[in-house]
Protein backbone atom coordinates (compact mmCIF):
# COMPACT_ATOMS: atom_id res chain seq x y z
CA MET A 1 -0.07 -0.04 0.04
CA SER A 2 1.24 3.31 -0.84
CA THR A 3 1.89 5.99 1.95
CA THR A 4 2.49 9.73 2.01
CA SER A 5 5.82 11.10 3.09
CA PRO A 6 6.42 11.73 6.44
CA THR A 7 6.46 15.04 8.04
CA ARG A 8 8.20 16.44 11.33
CA ALA A 9 6.22 18.52 13.83
CA ARG A 10 7.52 21.97 13.73
CA PRO A 11 6.81 25.36 15.09
CA ALA A 12 4.42 27.77 13.71
CA THR A 13 6.67 29.24 11.06
CA GLY A 14 5.80 25.96 8.93
CA VAL A 15 9.39 25.62 7.28
CA ALA A 16 9.14 23.20 4.61
CA ALA A 17 10.72 19.80 4.94
CA PRO A 18 13.82 18.43 3.23
CA ALA A 19 12.90 17.28 -0.16
CA ALA A 20 15.43 14.37 0.59
CA GLU A 21 13.21 12.79 3.33
CA ALA A 22 12.58 9.12 3.04
CA ALA A 23 9.47 7.71 2.74
CA PRO A 24 8.01 5.69 5.61
CA ALA A 25 7.57 2.09 6.08
CA PRO A 26 3.96 1.06 5.67
CA ASP A 27 3.43 0.43 8.85
CA ALA A 28 5.05 3.57 10.32
CA ALA A 29 3.23 5.78 12.60
CA ALA A 30 3.59 9.47 13.60
CA SER A 31 5.78 9.72 16.86
CA ARG A 32 5.38 13.51 17.07
CA LEU A 33 2.77 16.17 16.15
CA ALA A 34 2.31 19.86 15.45
CA LEU A 35 -1.25 21.60 15.47
CA ILE A 36 -1.18 25.25 13.77
CA ALA A 37 -4.13 27.54 14.22
CA LEU A 38 -4.06 29.72 10.72
CA PRO A 39 -3.95 33.36 11.84
CA GLY A 40 -5.75 36.43 10.45
CA LEU A 41 -9.10 34.63 9.04
CA PRO A 42 -11.98 37.10 8.85
CA LEU A 43 -15.77 36.49 9.70
CA VAL A 44 -16.82 34.24 7.31
CA ARG A 45 -20.05 35.71 5.03
CA PRO A 46 -22.23 33.77 2.77
CA GLY A 47 -20.94 33.55 -0.88
CA ASP A 48 -17.08 33.85 0.59
CA ASP A 49 -14.32 32.09 -1.35
CA LEU A 50 -13.44 30.32 1.58
CA ALA A 51 -10.46 28.30 -0.11
CA ASP A 52 -9.29 31.69 -1.06
CA LEU A 53 -9.18 32.91 2.65
CA LEU A 54 -7.75 29.49 3.75
CA ALA A 55 -5.07 29.66 1.01
CA ARG A 56 -4.01 33.22 2.80
CA GLY A 57 -3.72 31.77 6.38
CA LEU A 58 -2.11 28.69 5.19
CA ALA A 59 0.50 30.97 3.19
CA ALA A 60 0.84 32.84 6.65
CA VAL A 61 2.32 29.98 8.30
CA GLY A 62 4.99 28.99 5.71
CA GLY A 63 2.40 26.96 3.37
CA VAL A 64 1.75 23.04 2.76
CA GLU A 65 3.78 20.17 3.39
CA ARG A 66 2.99 16.47 2.29
CA GLY A 67 0.79 14.63 4.87
CA ASP A 68 -0.64 17.80 6.28
CA VAL A 69 -4.49 18.13 7.24
CA LEU A 70 -6.50 21.00 7.60
CA VAL A 71 -9.45 20.99 9.82
CA LEU A 72 -12.07 23.32 9.79
CA ALA A 73 -15.10 24.21 12.05
CA GLN A 74 -18.27 23.56 10.44
CA LYS A 75 -19.40 26.76 11.21
CA ILE A 76 -17.33 28.63 8.56
CA VAL A 77 -17.93 26.01 5.95
CA SER A 78 -21.84 26.32 6.69
CA LYS A 79 -21.50 30.20 6.57
CA ALA A 80 -19.78 30.32 3.47
CA GLU A 81 -22.61 28.04 1.71
CA GLY A 82 -25.47 30.28 3.16
CA ARG A 83 -26.79 27.54 5.60
CA TYR A 84 -28.84 30.01 7.54
CA VAL A 85 -32.37 30.12 8.50
CA ASP A 86 -34.19 32.93 9.83
CA LEU A 87 -36.26 31.56 12.55
CA ALA A 88 -38.71 34.88 11.84
CA THR A 89 -39.67 33.25 8.81
CA VAL A 90 -40.47 29.61 10.22
CA THR A 91 -44.06 28.33 10.52
CA PRO A 92 -44.15 25.39 13.17
CA SER A 93 -45.97 22.24 12.41
CA ALA A 94 -48.11 20.78 15.20
CA GLU A 95 -45.59 18.12 15.76
CA ALA A 96 -42.91 20.72 16.38
CA GLU A 97 -45.47 22.61 18.70
CA ARG A 98 -45.73 19.21 20.68
CA LEU A 99 -42.21 18.68 20.63
CA ALA A 100 -41.55 22.24 21.74
CA VAL A 101 -43.66 21.84 24.80
CA GLU A 102 -42.18 18.81 25.99
CA THR A 103 -38.47 19.83 25.62
CA ASP A 104 -38.96 23.50 26.52
CA LYS A 105 -37.61 24.67 23.21
CA ASP A 106 -38.64 27.61 20.56
CA PRO A 107 -41.17 25.52 18.28
CA ARG A 108 -39.89 27.48 15.01
CA LEU A 109 -36.33 26.02 16.18
CA VAL A 110 -37.93 22.49 16.80
CA GLU A 111 -39.30 23.00 12.98
CA VAL A 112 -36.32 23.72 11.45
CA ILE A 113 -34.70 20.45 13.47
CA LEU A 114 -37.12 18.46 12.18
CA SER A 115 -36.71 19.58 8.66
CA GLU A 116 -33.21 18.44 8.87
CA SER A 117 -33.86 15.03 10.38
CA ARG A 118 -34.94 11.51 9.58
CA ARG A 119 -36.36 10.94 13.07
CA VAL A 120 -36.46 11.67 16.52
CA VAL A 121 -34.30 9.34 18.75
CA ARG A 122 -35.15 10.78 22.18
CA HIS A 123 -36.22 13.80 23.55
CA SER A 124 -36.78 15.31 27.32
CA LYS A 125 -36.52 18.62 28.94
CA ARG A 126 -34.21 20.99 26.83
CA VAL A 127 -32.83 17.70 24.90
CA LEU A 128 -33.59 16.74 21.24
CA ILE A 129 -31.65 13.93 19.53
CA VAL A 130 -32.03 13.03 16.39
CA GLU A 131 -30.86 11.20 13.39
CA HIS A 132 -29.82 13.89 10.85
CA ARG A 133 -30.84 13.42 7.29
CA CYS A 134 -27.04 12.73 6.57
CA GLY A 135 -27.05 10.22 9.31
CA PHE A 136 -25.46 11.78 12.33
CA VAL A 137 -27.19 11.33 15.53
CA MET A 138 -27.03 14.58 17.40
CA ALA A 139 -28.53 16.90 19.26
CA ASN A 140 -30.75 19.64 17.63
CA ALA A 141 -29.72 18.29 14.24
CA GLY A 142 -26.67 20.24 14.72
CA ILE A 143 -28.36 23.57 14.32
CA ASP A 144 -26.86 26.45 16.50
CA ARG A 145 -27.49 29.97 17.42
CA SER A 146 -23.94 30.60 18.80
CA ASN A 147 -21.56 32.49 16.91
CA VAL A 148 -24.19 33.14 14.50
CA ASP A 149 -23.90 36.49 13.00
CA PRO A 150 -27.16 38.74 13.92
CA VAL A 151 -27.04 40.38 10.45
CA GLU A 152 -28.14 37.29 8.67
CA GLY A 153 -31.95 37.51 9.83
CA GLY A 154 -34.00 38.69 12.47
CA ASP A 155 -33.30 35.45 14.33
CA PRO A 156 -30.84 33.19 12.38
CA VAL A 157 -29.79 30.01 12.85
CA LEU A 158 -27.02 28.34 11.09
CA LEU A 159 -27.63 24.41 9.41
CA LEU A 160 -24.96 21.84 8.74
CA PRO A 161 -23.49 21.76 5.32
CA GLN A 162 -25.90 20.25 2.49
CA ASP A 163 -23.33 17.55 2.16
CA ALA A 164 -19.99 17.78 4.56
CA ASP A 165 -18.21 14.94 2.61
CA ALA A 166 -18.64 16.86 -0.96
CA SER A 167 -17.91 20.37 0.91
CA ALA A 168 -14.80 18.71 1.87
CA ALA A 169 -14.15 17.19 -1.41
CA ARG A 170 -14.35 20.73 -2.95
CA LEU A 171 -11.96 22.36 -0.73
CA HIS A 172 -9.28 19.39 -0.68
CA ALA A 173 -9.30 19.99 -4.71
CA ALA A 174 -9.02 23.67 -4.46
CA LEU A 175 -6.28 23.99 -1.69
CA SER A 176 -4.33 21.23 -3.33
CA ALA A 177 -4.50 22.73 -6.69
CA ARG A 178 -3.32 26.18 -5.26
CA SER A 179 -0.39 24.54 -3.23
CA GLY A 180 0.66 22.07 -5.46
CA VAL A 181 0.93 19.58 -2.67
CA PRO A 182 -2.26 17.46 -1.77
CA LEU A 183 -3.96 18.82 1.36
CA ALA A 184 -6.46 16.76 3.08
CA VAL A 185 -9.27 18.37 4.52
CA VAL A 186 -11.90 17.46 7.58
CA ILE A 187 -14.75 19.49 8.64
CA SER A 188 -15.30 18.94 12.20
CA ASP A 189 -18.24 19.79 14.68
CA SER A 190 -18.29 19.38 18.47
CA PHE A 191 -20.66 16.08 19.62
CA GLY A 192 -21.82 15.18 22.74
CA ARG A 193 -21.69 11.45 23.74
CA PRO A 194 -23.89 8.74 25.27
CA TRP A 195 -22.97 7.91 28.81
CA ARG A 196 -20.08 10.43 28.75
CA GLN A 197 -20.33 14.39 29.95
CA GLY A 198 -18.64 16.96 27.95
CA THR A 199 -18.63 17.46 24.00
CA VAL A 200 -15.54 16.58 21.39
CA GLY A 201 -14.65 17.33 18.43
CA VAL A 202 -15.91 14.76 15.48
CA ALA A 203 -15.40 14.50 11.48
CA LEU A 204 -18.76 15.85 9.36
CA GLY A 205 -16.90 15.47 6.13
CA ALA A 206 -13.38 14.18 5.06
CA ALA A 207 -11.39 14.11 2.02
CA GLY A 208 -7.86 13.29 1.12
CA LEU A 209 -7.37 10.84 3.95
CA PRO A 210 -8.97 7.60 5.23
CA ALA A 211 -11.46 8.61 7.63
CA LEU A 212 -12.00 5.19 8.79
CA ARG A 213 -8.93 2.98 8.91
CA ASP A 214 -9.16 -1.19 8.87
CA LEU A 215 -6.42 -2.46 10.73
CA ARG A 216 -7.90 -5.99 10.87
CA GLY A 217 -5.23 -8.41 10.05
CA ALA A 218 -2.46 -6.23 11.20
CA PRO A 219 -0.53 -8.00 14.00
CA ASP A 220 -0.40 -6.39 17.51
CA LEU A 221 3.12 -6.62 19.41
CA TYR A 222 3.09 -10.10 19.96
CA GLY A 223 2.18 -11.27 16.22
CA ARG A 224 -1.61 -12.00 16.72
CA PRO A 225 -3.56 -10.31 14.07
CA LEU A 226 -6.09 -8.10 15.16
CA ARG A 227 -9.76 -8.93 14.50
CA VAL A 228 -12.16 -6.22 15.12
CA THR A 229 -9.86 -2.97 15.02
CA GLU A 230 -10.87 -0.15 13.04
CA THR A 231 -10.12 3.40 13.92
CA GLY A 232 -12.16 6.78 13.67
CA PHE A 233 -8.90 8.62 11.97
CA ALA A 234 -10.88 11.45 11.22
CA ASP A 235 -12.55 11.90 14.43
CA GLU A 236 -8.96 11.47 16.10
CA ILE A 237 -7.61 14.20 14.05
CA ALA A 238 -10.75 16.49 14.82
CA ALA A 239 -10.51 15.77 18.40
CA ALA A 240 -7.00 17.12 18.62
CA ALA A 241 -7.61 19.81 16.48
CA SER A 242 -10.79 21.34 18.66
CA LEU A 243 -8.42 21.87 21.40
CA LEU A 244 -7.26 25.12 19.63
CA MET A 245 -10.20 25.69 18.15
CA GLY A 246 -12.22 25.99 21.47
CA GLN A 247 -15.93 26.63 21.91
CA GLY A 248 -16.48 29.96 22.48
CA ALA A 249 -14.93 33.08 21.27
CA GLU A 250 -11.45 31.78 20.42
CA GLY A 251 -12.11 32.76 16.84
CA ARG A 252 -9.49 29.52 15.66
CA PRO A 253 -11.80 27.72 12.94
CA ALA A 254 -8.87 26.17 10.87
CA VAL A 255 -6.53 24.58 12.37
CA LEU A 256 -3.22 22.43 10.29
CA VAL A 257 -2.30 19.00 11.78
CA ARG A 258 1.41 18.17 10.57
CA GLY A 259 3.03 15.00 11.18
CA LEU A 260 0.57 12.63 10.64
CA VAL A 261 1.32 9.19 8.56
CA TYR A 262 -1.35 7.61 6.75
CA ASP A 263 -2.09 5.63 3.32
CA ALA A 264 -3.63 7.49 0.34
CA VAL A 265 -6.80 5.85 0.19
CA SER A 266 -9.30 8.16 0.85
CA ARG A 267 -12.65 7.42 2.37
CA PRO A 268 -15.28 9.76 3.33
CA ALA A 269 -16.60 10.71 7.06
CA ALA A 270 -19.82 9.04 5.92
CA ASP A 271 -18.18 5.76 6.41
CA LEU A 272 -17.61 6.38 10.20
CA ILE A 273 -21.73 6.09 10.53
CA ARG A 274 -22.50 2.71 12.07
CA GLY A 275 -25.26 1.09 9.98
CA PRO A 276 -28.64 0.05 11.66
CA GLY A 277 -27.79 -3.38 11.21
CA GLU A 278 -24.62 -3.29 13.32
CA ASP A 279 -26.25 -0.71 16.24
CA LEU A 280 -27.35 -2.58 19.16
CA PHE A 281 -28.93 0.36 20.63
CA ARG A 282 -31.65 1.61 17.74
């Protein structure tokens, strides 16, 4: 299996790796990573050329090296794609009104959540867990009011990208073409998890890397073959980048991850979603 060339963790200057570095062995793993928040990104507006804004940020940290992954907060992708809904224009259905009473939520918001969902999974006071139309099981279909520009309507909320894998693929193609070096892209969002407190970054979209890595058949330390091990590679990358992105007013929606070693077979983030036939809790 082919692999990318290795990269080494570097300071935020982003100095390019020497061209003479040897390719890693197929089973090589990163021993050190660098996380670099792109500086100077403006507030993103609908219709902005996000690839152009990101290319400027990448230039400010010294450009792109082979094996780099750019992690983007979902919000800047959704904003550039104009994924706003003004609640002032929404008329809630009877079902939304009923759920709004049971969850103590704005019925207009509940209506938008339902419009983005396949089904309601669970609900209680202040909690509405749904299966998003793209397959994610999440709170409120990922719809958010935090860090949403009030100029986008009387009472605006922001939806997830229409297709996060497709958005990642477009940015991967555009940024790779600009830099001349393949640049993998992960679009991340903050998820809560069953049975655990707190949110973590997970991948909604991915391109240019294997979002899910199948290690079945690979040997463990003692030569025994792994039987069931698959790793959520894109989720692990998203979680690492979220340490720099933050959750509030940090203003760091794009993080370059440098030093990873991975095979070149791209798999989308959709592959991370467990199918109904394998889900013991549905």
